[in-house]
Amino acid sequence: MKSVLNRLINHEQLDREEARNILVSISEGAYNTSQISAFLTVYMMRSIGLEELEGFRDALLELCIAPELGDYHTIDLCGTGGDGKNTFNISTLASFVTAGAGVLVTKHGNYGVSSISGSSNVLEQLGVTFSNESGFLKRCLDETGICVLHAPLFHPAMKNVAPIRRELGVKTFFNMLGPMVNPAFPKNQLVGVFSLELARLYGYLYQQSEKNYAILHAMDGYDEISLTGPTKVISGKTEQVLQPSHFGVEPIEASQIYGGDSVEDSAAIFMEILNGRGSKAQNDVVCANAAMAISVADSCSLTEGFERARDSLLNAKALEVLNKLQKISREQ
């Protein structure tokens, strides 16, 4: 590791195989916590290279526990996090709205590291059970339209890194990897990223895959469609900039999508919205993200996607998805 750190400190980049091998070695316990911390810190101070990102992704996918869900036509709605915006759990809510609209969802997520409440925090607070058993996950998909893939259960190789990430409390390159390493290998993906530079890297890597995808970056820094301004969208077919008007809604203020100061706050906001008591701004931003996911998975227009999302949210179809998932969790 010493020679690798010296190279990185001198602004050299790793090639794909080197990056893969280092992450495999980390998973095998080959390095101590100080060395791992230093390795993570390098990538907080300089941009990650394309081959480095590719190699890290290869390692995590190679080492993951993959559930047997290949027969399902699913989508994952997952952001990198790390945007520092402290919004409520928009992509997680949008996942339930998407499932309520009839699109199967394999939701990959984790506890918050640089944020107050990650998707796993809020879902755990709401009584959702995490499991990596294929039978349980299939039942969730069959009966509710969604299953939750809590990252630590599927990426045991990262057990040596998780405590260090928690202690550092800032975004690392693992934020960049999260959406790329869904162990269910979904055929469709809606990815939110915290920078335009990372959106470009993702776009290049996803072009090499067989996935149907859209990569989102709000131009004012959010890793999702925020409706606070324009959003850059990169897909396999096109690049475009979406305005709130594309969804038939008005722009909103950042304060209107604030996520609270605790996991309990986040869970309360989550339930208020699912129960039909969300503000117009909250409802619009959730439905905009769900609309994009629906349009990616079902190849429909944004207008149709938004109408299906609104119907799912306001007619309690998304709430029913959560209720069923909670019931299955209690029976587990």
Protein backbone atom coordinates (compact mmCIF):
# COMPACT_ATOMS: atom_id res chain seq x y z
CA MET A 1 0.00 0.00 0.00
CA LYS A 2 2.89 2.37 0.71
CA SER A 3 4.00 2.41 -2.92
CA VAL A 4 0.40 2.85 -4.10
CA LEU A 5 -0.12 5.80 -1.76
CA ASN A 6 3.11 7.43 -2.96
CA ARG A 7 1.97 7.09 -6.55
CA LEU A 8 -1.46 8.53 -5.81
CA ILE A 9 0.00 11.41 -3.79
CA ASN A 10 2.14 12.18 -6.86
CA HIS A 11 -1.09 12.43 -8.90
CA GLU A 12 -0.60 9.17 -10.74
CA GLN A 13 -3.67 7.07 -11.53
CA LEU A 14 -4.26 3.36 -11.14
CA ASP A 15 -5.28 1.25 -14.08
CA ARG A 16 -8.45 -0.83 -13.97
CA GLU A 17 -6.80 -4.06 -12.78
CA GLU A 18 -4.74 -2.31 -10.10
CA ALA A 19 -7.85 -0.61 -8.73
CA ARG A 20 -9.71 -3.92 -8.69
CA ASN A 21 -6.88 -5.71 -6.92
CA ILE A 22 -6.56 -3.06 -4.20
CA LEU A 23 -10.25 -3.24 -3.35
CA VAL A 24 -10.05 -7.05 -3.24
CA SER A 25 -7.04 -6.78 -0.91
CA ILE A 26 -8.93 -4.36 1.33
CA SER A 27 -11.77 -6.88 1.54
CA GLU A 28 -9.29 -9.59 2.54
CA GLY A 29 -7.97 -7.48 5.43
CA ALA A 30 -4.56 -6.93 3.85
CA TYR A 31 -4.34 -3.28 5.00
CA ASN A 32 -4.73 -1.59 8.37
CA THR A 33 -7.23 1.16 9.13
CA SER A 34 -4.67 3.96 8.75
CA GLN A 35 -3.71 2.76 5.29
CA ILE A 36 -7.36 2.45 4.23
CA SER A 37 -8.12 5.93 5.62
CA ALA A 38 -5.21 7.40 3.68
CA PHE A 39 -6.35 5.62 0.52
CA LEU A 40 -9.87 7.02 0.87
CA THR A 41 -8.54 10.49 1.66
CA VAL A 42 -6.58 10.70 -1.60
CA TYR A 43 -9.84 10.52 -3.54
CA MET A 44 -11.36 13.33 -1.48
CA MET A 45 -8.57 15.56 -2.74
CA ARG A 46 -8.49 14.67 -6.41
CA SER A 47 -10.90 13.38 -9.03
CA ILE A 48 -11.26 9.66 -9.52
CA GLY A 49 -10.12 8.32 -12.90
CA LEU A 50 -12.34 6.37 -15.25
CA GLU A 51 -10.29 3.18 -14.99
CA GLU A 52 -10.08 3.53 -11.22
CA LEU A 53 -13.86 3.79 -10.92
CA GLU A 54 -14.25 0.87 -13.31
CA GLY A 55 -11.83 -1.30 -11.34
CA PHE A 56 -13.44 -0.52 -7.98
CA ARG A 57 -16.84 -1.35 -9.47
CA ASP A 58 -15.53 -4.63 -10.91
CA ALA A 59 -14.23 -5.71 -7.51
CA LEU A 60 -17.45 -5.00 -5.62
CA LEU A 61 -19.62 -6.75 -8.20
CA GLU A 62 -17.28 -9.73 -8.27
CA LEU A 63 -17.34 -10.04 -4.47
CA CYS A 64 -21.02 -9.33 -3.85
CA ILE A 65 -23.70 -11.78 -2.74
CA ALA A 66 -26.05 -11.77 -5.74
CA PRO A 67 -29.71 -12.70 -5.11
CA GLU A 68 -31.43 -14.76 -7.80
CA LEU A 69 -33.63 -12.04 -9.25
CA GLY A 70 -32.55 -12.15 -12.88
CA ASP A 71 -36.00 -13.14 -14.14
CA TYR A 72 -37.55 -9.88 -12.92
CA HIS A 73 -37.65 -6.72 -15.05
CA THR A 74 -36.75 -4.19 -12.36
CA ILE A 75 -35.36 -0.70 -11.90
CA ASP A 76 -33.22 0.76 -9.15
CA LEU A 77 -33.58 4.39 -8.11
CA CYS A 78 -30.37 5.24 -6.31
CA GLY A 79 -28.31 8.37 -5.76
CA THR A 80 -24.67 8.68 -4.82
CA GLY A 81 -25.48 10.89 -1.86
CA GLY A 82 -22.74 13.29 -0.89
CA ASP A 83 -24.46 16.38 -2.30
CA GLY A 84 -24.64 18.00 1.15
CA LYS A 85 -28.19 19.23 0.54
CA ASN A 86 -29.96 17.41 3.41
CA THR A 87 -33.17 16.74 1.50
CA PHE A 88 -35.78 14.27 2.68
CA ASN A 89 -35.49 10.75 1.25
CA ILE A 90 -36.68 11.66 -2.24
CA SER A 91 -35.36 8.69 -4.21
CA THR A 92 -36.60 6.20 -1.61
CA LEU A 93 -40.08 7.72 -1.65
CA ALA A 94 -39.96 7.79 -5.44
CA SER A 95 -39.12 4.07 -5.35
CA PHE A 96 -42.36 3.30 -3.51
CA VAL A 97 -44.31 5.56 -5.85
CA THR A 98 -42.74 3.78 -8.83
CA ALA A 99 -43.66 0.38 -7.38
CA GLY A 100 -47.19 1.63 -6.74
CA ALA A 101 -47.37 2.60 -10.41
CA GLY A 102 -46.72 -1.01 -11.45
CA VAL A 103 -42.96 -0.95 -12.09
CA LEU A 104 -40.90 -3.50 -10.14
CA VAL A 105 -38.13 -1.94 -8.02
CA THR A 106 -34.96 -3.46 -6.55
CA LYS A 107 -33.93 -0.62 -4.23
CA HIS A 108 -30.25 -0.62 -3.31
CA GLY A 109 -29.37 1.52 -0.29
CA ASN A 110 -27.35 2.01 2.85
CA TYR A 111 -27.19 3.94 6.07
CA GLY A 112 -26.32 7.61 5.71
CA VAL A 113 -22.61 8.40 5.99
CA SER A 114 -22.39 12.05 4.94
CA SER A 115 -26.13 12.64 5.37
CA ILE A 116 -28.45 12.53 8.38
CA SER A 117 -30.67 9.77 7.04
CA GLY A 118 -29.86 7.33 4.26
CA SER A 119 -32.51 5.11 2.73
CA SER A 120 -31.70 2.24 5.10
CA ASN A 121 -32.02 4.52 8.13
CA VAL A 122 -35.53 5.62 7.26
CA LEU A 123 -36.75 2.19 6.12
CA GLU A 124 -35.40 0.53 9.25
CA GLN A 125 -37.15 3.21 11.32
CA LEU A 126 -40.37 2.30 9.51
CA GLY A 127 -40.07 -1.40 10.33
CA VAL A 128 -38.75 -2.78 7.05
CA THR A 129 -36.66 -5.94 7.50
CA PHE A 130 -33.38 -6.28 5.62
CA SER A 131 -32.43 -9.67 4.21
CA ASN A 132 -30.22 -11.14 1.49
CA GLU A 133 -32.28 -14.33 1.13
CA SER A 134 -33.53 -14.71 -2.44
CA GLY A 135 -36.81 -16.29 -1.35
CA PHE A 136 -37.70 -13.37 0.90
CA LEU A 137 -36.73 -10.83 -1.76
CA LYS A 138 -38.79 -12.63 -4.42
CA ARG A 139 -41.80 -12.65 -2.09
CA CYS A 140 -41.39 -8.90 -1.57
CA LEU A 141 -41.29 -8.30 -5.32
CA ASP A 142 -44.21 -10.61 -6.04
CA GLU A 143 -46.48 -9.23 -3.32
CA THR A 144 -45.47 -5.56 -3.09
CA GLY A 145 -43.56 -4.66 -6.29
CA ILE A 146 -40.41 -3.67 -4.38
CA CYS A 147 -37.58 -5.30 -2.47
CA VAL A 148 -34.91 -3.54 -0.43
CA LEU A 149 -31.25 -4.47 -0.86
CA HIS A 150 -29.39 -3.18 2.21
CA ALA A 151 -25.84 -2.85 0.91
CA PRO A 152 -23.87 -4.30 3.89
CA LEU A 153 -25.75 -7.61 3.58
CA PHE A 154 -24.70 -7.97 -0.05
CA HIS A 155 -21.19 -6.53 0.10
CA PRO A 156 -19.50 -8.29 3.02
CA ALA A 157 -16.18 -7.44 1.42
CA MET A 158 -16.66 -3.88 2.66
CA LYS A 159 -16.86 -4.75 6.36
CA ASN A 160 -13.32 -3.39 6.81
CA VAL A 161 -14.28 -0.06 5.24
CA ALA A 162 -17.68 0.64 6.82
CA PRO A 163 -16.40 1.71 10.27
CA ILE A 164 -13.82 4.01 8.69
CA ARG A 165 -16.45 5.65 6.49
CA ARG A 166 -18.65 6.23 9.53
CA GLU A 167 -15.79 7.76 11.48
CA LEU A 168 -14.74 10.01 8.59
CA GLY A 169 -18.34 11.15 8.06
CA VAL A 170 -17.67 12.66 4.63
CA LYS A 171 -18.29 11.41 1.14
CA THR A 172 -15.71 9.04 -0.31
CA PHE A 173 -15.43 7.22 -3.61
CA PHE A 174 -17.76 4.59 -2.16
CA ASN A 175 -20.53 7.16 -2.58
CA MET A 176 -19.67 7.16 -6.27
CA LEU A 177 -19.82 3.35 -6.41
CA GLY A 178 -23.11 2.77 -4.59
CA PRO A 179 -25.53 2.99 -7.53
CA MET A 180 -23.18 0.98 -9.76
CA VAL A 181 -23.00 -2.11 -7.59
CA ASN A 182 -26.63 -3.16 -7.10
CA PRO A 183 -26.23 -6.92 -6.45
CA ALA A 184 -29.51 -7.71 -8.24
CA PHE A 185 -28.03 -6.43 -11.51
CA PRO A 186 -31.29 -4.64 -12.49
CA LYS A 187 -31.94 -4.21 -16.18
CA ASN A 188 -33.01 -0.57 -15.67
CA GLN A 189 -31.44 2.13 -13.55
CA LEU A 190 -32.11 5.71 -12.54
CA VAL A 191 -28.91 7.13 -11.08
CA GLY A 192 -28.44 10.47 -9.36
CA VAL A 193 -24.91 11.87 -8.99
CA PHE A 194 -23.49 14.80 -7.04
CA SER A 195 -21.39 16.35 -9.81
CA LEU A 196 -21.49 16.85 -13.56
CA GLU A 197 -18.00 15.37 -13.84
CA LEU A 198 -19.21 12.15 -12.23
CA ALA A 199 -22.28 12.14 -14.48
CA ARG A 200 -19.91 12.06 -17.47
CA LEU A 201 -17.93 9.16 -16.00
CA TYR A 202 -21.11 7.24 -15.27
CA GLY A 203 -22.38 7.96 -18.76
CA TYR A 204 -19.26 6.49 -20.33
CA LEU A 205 -19.34 3.35 -18.17
CA TYR A 206 -23.07 2.76 -18.63
CA GLN A 207 -22.69 3.09 -22.40
CA GLN A 208 -20.54 -0.04 -22.23
CA SER A 209 -23.29 -1.97 -20.44
CA GLU A 210 -26.59 -3.44 -21.59
CA LYS A 211 -28.54 -1.44 -19.03
CA ASN A 212 -31.41 0.86 -19.83
CA TYR A 213 -30.54 3.96 -17.81
CA ALA A 214 -30.80 7.65 -17.08
CA ILE A 215 -28.20 9.58 -15.08
CA LEU A 216 -29.34 12.71 -13.26
CA HIS A 217 -27.53 15.75 -11.92
CA ALA A 218 -29.38 18.88 -10.87
CA MET A 219 -27.31 21.81 -12.07
CA ASP A 220 -27.39 23.41 -8.61
CA GLY A 221 -25.77 20.33 -7.06
CA TYR A 222 -28.45 17.79 -6.13
CA ASP A 223 -28.03 14.09 -6.90
CA GLU A 224 -31.65 13.85 -8.10
CA ILE A 225 -34.31 15.93 -9.80
CA SER A 226 -34.81 18.70 -7.24
CA LEU A 227 -37.12 21.04 -9.22
CA THR A 228 -35.07 23.92 -7.78
CA GLY A 229 -33.65 24.48 -11.26
CA PRO A 230 -32.60 22.58 -14.39
CA THR A 231 -31.43 18.95 -14.31
CA LYS A 232 -28.92 17.38 -16.67
CA VAL A 233 -30.03 13.96 -17.90
CA ILE A 234 -27.71 11.54 -19.69
CA SER A 235 -29.19 8.35 -21.14
CA GLY A 236 -28.23 5.78 -23.72
CA LYS A 237 -30.24 7.66 -26.33
CA THR A 238 -29.75 11.34 -25.57
CA GLU A 239 -28.49 14.13 -23.38
CA GLN A 240 -30.92 16.83 -22.34
CA VAL A 241 -31.60 19.47 -19.73
CA LEU A 242 -34.96 19.17 -18.03
CA GLN A 243 -36.79 22.09 -16.47
CA PRO A 244 -39.63 21.81 -13.93
CA SER A 245 -41.94 22.80 -16.78
CA HIS A 246 -41.19 19.47 -18.50
CA PHE A 247 -43.16 17.85 -15.68
CA GLY A 248 -45.88 20.49 -15.77
CA VAL A 249 -44.90 21.98 -12.41
CA GLU A 250 -43.40 25.20 -11.05
CA PRO A 251 -39.85 25.57 -9.68
CA ILE A 252 -39.51 25.17 -5.92
CA GLU A 253 -37.20 26.49 -3.21
CA ALA A 254 -34.53 24.41 -1.49
CA SER A 255 -36.20 24.98 1.88
CA GLN A 256 -39.31 23.17 0.64
CA ILE A 257 -37.49 19.83 0.34
CA TYR A 258 -35.54 20.00 3.61
CA GLY A 259 -35.12 16.63 5.30
CA GLY A 260 -35.17 17.43 9.00
CA ASP A 261 -32.53 17.02 11.70
CA SER A 262 -32.81 13.32 12.58
CA VAL A 263 -33.82 9.91 11.28
CA GLU A 264 -37.09 10.32 13.19
CA ASP A 265 -37.76 13.58 11.33
CA SER A 266 -37.02 11.88 8.02
CA ALA A 267 -39.38 8.99 8.80
CA ALA A 268 -42.13 11.42 9.83
CA ILE A 269 -41.78 13.38 6.57
CA PHE A 270 -41.76 10.09 4.64
CA MET A 271 -45.06 9.00 6.17
CA GLU A 272 -46.69 12.41 5.84
CA ILE A 273 -46.04 12.35 2.11
CA LEU A 274 -47.13 8.72 1.62
CA ASN A 275 -50.30 9.41 3.60
CA GLY A 276 -51.23 12.20 1.18
CA ARG A 277 -50.36 15.03 3.55
CA GLY A 278 -47.23 16.22 1.76
CA SER A 279 -46.92 19.76 0.44
CA LYS A 280 -47.30 20.39 -3.28
CA ALA A 281 -43.54 20.91 -3.54
CA GLN A 282 -42.81 17.61 -1.78
CA ASN A 283 -45.31 15.72 -3.90
CA ASP A 284 -44.05 17.27 -7.12
CA VAL A 285 -40.40 16.45 -6.48
CA VAL A 286 -41.19 12.83 -5.56
CA CYS A 287 -43.43 12.39 -8.59
CA ALA A 288 -40.86 13.98 -10.93
CA ASN A 289 -38.22 11.43 -9.90
CA ALA A 290 -40.71 8.56 -10.06
CA ALA A 291 -41.86 9.80 -13.47
CA MET A 292 -38.32 9.58 -14.79
CA ALA A 293 -37.95 6.04 -13.40
CA ILE A 294 -41.27 4.93 -14.91
CA SER A 295 -40.34 6.42 -18.27
CA VAL A 296 -36.97 4.61 -18.22
CA ALA A 297 -38.40 1.22 -17.24
CA ASP A 298 -41.55 1.33 -19.39
CA SER A 299 -40.31 3.53 -22.28
CA CYS A 300 -43.18 5.97 -21.86
CA SER A 301 -43.24 9.76 -22.01
CA LEU A 302 -42.42 11.90 -18.99
CA THR A 303 -45.97 13.22 -19.05
CA GLU A 304 -47.41 9.72 -18.81
CA GLY A 305 -44.84 8.80 -16.16
CA PHE A 306 -45.75 11.83 -14.07
CA GLU A 307 -49.47 11.07 -14.26
CA ARG A 308 -48.87 7.46 -13.21
CA ALA A 309 -46.63 8.64 -10.37
CA ARG A 310 -49.19 11.18 -9.17
CA ASP A 311 -51.92 8.54 -9.26
CA SER A 312 -49.73 6.15 -7.26
CA LEU A 313 -48.98 8.76 -4.59
CA LEU A 314 -52.30 10.55 -4.24
CA ASN A 315 -54.46 7.41 -4.45
CA ALA A 316 -52.40 5.67 -1.74
CA LYS A 317 -51.00 2.97 -4.02
CA ALA A 318 -47.47 3.80 -2.85
CA LEU A 319 -48.65 3.70 0.77
CA GLU A 320 -50.14 0.25 0.14
CA VAL A 321 -46.74 -0.92 -1.13
CA LEU A 322 -45.12 0.14 2.15
CA ASN A 323 -47.90 -1.38 4.24
CA LYS A 324 -47.49 -4.73 2.51
CA LEU A 325 -43.69 -4.58 2.88
CA GLN A 326 -44.05 -3.86 6.60
CA LYS A 327 -46.44 -6.82 6.95
CA ILE A 328 -44.01 -9.19 5.21
CA SER A 329 -41.21 -7.82 7.41
CA ARG A 330 -43.18 -8.61 10.58
CA GLU A 331 -43.74 -12.16 9.34
CA GLN A 332 -40.09 -12.75 8.51
